[in-house]
Protein backbone atom coordinates (compact mmCIF):
# COMPACT_ATOMS: atom_id res chain seq x y z
CA UNK A 1 -2.11 -7.02 -2.87
CA UNK A 2 0.36 -4.37 -2.59
CA UNK A 3 -0.38 -2.52 -5.67
CA UNK A 4 -4.26 -2.40 -5.25
CA UNK A 5 -3.91 1.58 -4.70
CA UNK A 6 -1.95 1.85 -7.79
CA UNK A 7 1.84 2.72 -8.15
CA UNK A 8 4.17 5.51 -9.08
CA UNK A 9 7.23 5.47 -10.57
CA UNK A 10 10.07 7.97 -9.45
CA UNK A 11 13.58 8.83 -10.33
CA UNK A 12 16.21 10.97 -9.07
CA UNK A 13 15.05 14.01 -11.17
CA UNK A 14 11.48 13.86 -9.85
CA UNK A 15 11.16 15.29 -6.41
CA UNK A 16 9.78 14.08 -3.33
CA UNK A 17 6.35 12.54 -3.15
CA UNK A 18 4.23 12.42 0.22
CA UNK A 19 1.31 10.15 0.99
CA UNK A 20 0.77 6.68 1.84
CA UNK A 21 3.09 3.99 0.47
CA UNK A 22 3.59 0.27 1.39
CA UNK A 23 6.30 -0.97 -0.87
CA UNK A 24 9.43 0.61 -2.43
CA UNK A 25 10.88 -1.82 -5.44
CA UNK A 26 14.26 -0.58 -6.67
CA UNK A 27 14.00 -0.80 -10.34
CA UNK A 28 18.12 0.25 -10.34
CA UNK A 29 20.53 0.72 -7.96
CA UNK A 30 18.98 3.63 -5.40
CA UNK A 31 19.88 6.38 -2.98
CA UNK A 32 17.66 8.38 -1.27
CA UNK A 33 17.57 12.04 -0.14
CA UNK A 34 14.60 11.70 2.13
CA UNK A 35 12.55 7.74 3.22
CA UNK A 36 10.47 8.32 6.25
CA UNK A 37 8.89 5.26 7.42
CA UNK A 38 5.85 5.94 9.97
CA UNK A 39 6.31 2.62 11.51
CA UNK A 40 9.77 2.60 12.07
CA UNK A 41 12.16 3.60 14.69
CA UNK A 42 15.90 3.13 12.96
CA UNK A 43 18.37 3.44 15.65
CA UNK A 44 21.18 6.26 14.96
CA UNK A 45 23.75 3.47 15.17
CA UNK A 46 22.10 2.13 11.88
CA UNK A 47 22.05 5.61 10.13
CA UNK A 48 18.58 6.44 10.89
CA UNK A 49 17.20 9.10 13.13
CA UNK A 50 13.70 8.31 14.45
CA UNK A 51 11.58 7.36 11.26
CA UNK A 52 13.80 8.55 8.99
CA UNK A 53 15.66 5.37 7.36
CA UNK A 54 19.29 5.32 6.11
CA UNK A 55 19.54 7.17 2.99
CA UNK A 56 23.30 7.14 2.24
CA UNK A 57 23.56 3.73 1.65
CA UNK A 58 22.82 2.16 -1.80
CA UNK A 59 19.93 0.05 -2.01
CA UNK A 60 20.37 -2.60 -5.09
CA UNK A 61 18.26 -3.09 -8.11
CA UNK A 62 15.45 -5.72 -7.41
CA UNK A 63 15.67 -4.83 -3.67
CA UNK A 64 12.03 -4.14 -1.86
CA UNK A 65 11.32 -2.25 1.14
CA UNK A 66 8.25 -2.82 2.87
CA UNK A 67 6.56 -0.51 5.69
CA UNK A 68 4.16 2.55 5.56
CA UNK A 69 6.21 5.31 4.10
CA UNK A 70 5.02 9.02 4.29
CA UNK A 71 7.96 10.90 2.19
CA UNK A 72 9.89 9.56 -0.59
CA UNK A 73 12.54 11.34 -2.33
CA UNK A 74 14.86 9.79 -4.68
CA UNK A 75 18.34 11.12 -5.07
CA UNK A 76 19.94 8.50 -7.58
CA UNK A 77 18.20 5.53 -9.27
CA UNK A 78 14.75 4.83 -9.96
CA UNK A 79 11.63 2.79 -7.74
CA UNK A 80 8.36 2.01 -8.05
CA UNK A 81 6.24 2.82 -4.85
CA UNK A 82 2.89 1.21 -4.25
CA UNK A 83 0.22 3.40 -2.90
CA UNK A 84 -1.72 1.90 0.38
CA UNK A 85 -5.14 0.73 -0.97
CA UNK A 86 -6.74 3.19 1.33
CA UNK A 87 -5.74 6.02 -0.82
CA UNK A 88 -8.01 4.87 -3.68
């Protein structure tokens, strides 16, 4: 289960959170200031830089990102992030 470790709801006013997160579900249309996936290597042609995913694009409400996220900072919108079970 993706939410066994618990969840955190973040909005654009919440600031960055760090930890071990496995899913990010967009509650509303969302853009990120920082979105670091420790398992991804996004090419610069796709708007990424190493493990920093594209933050300038808008992720629509209902969209879910799966990965191993270490830093999540919402610019606009709201998300619910699931903590990795190992954090419990």
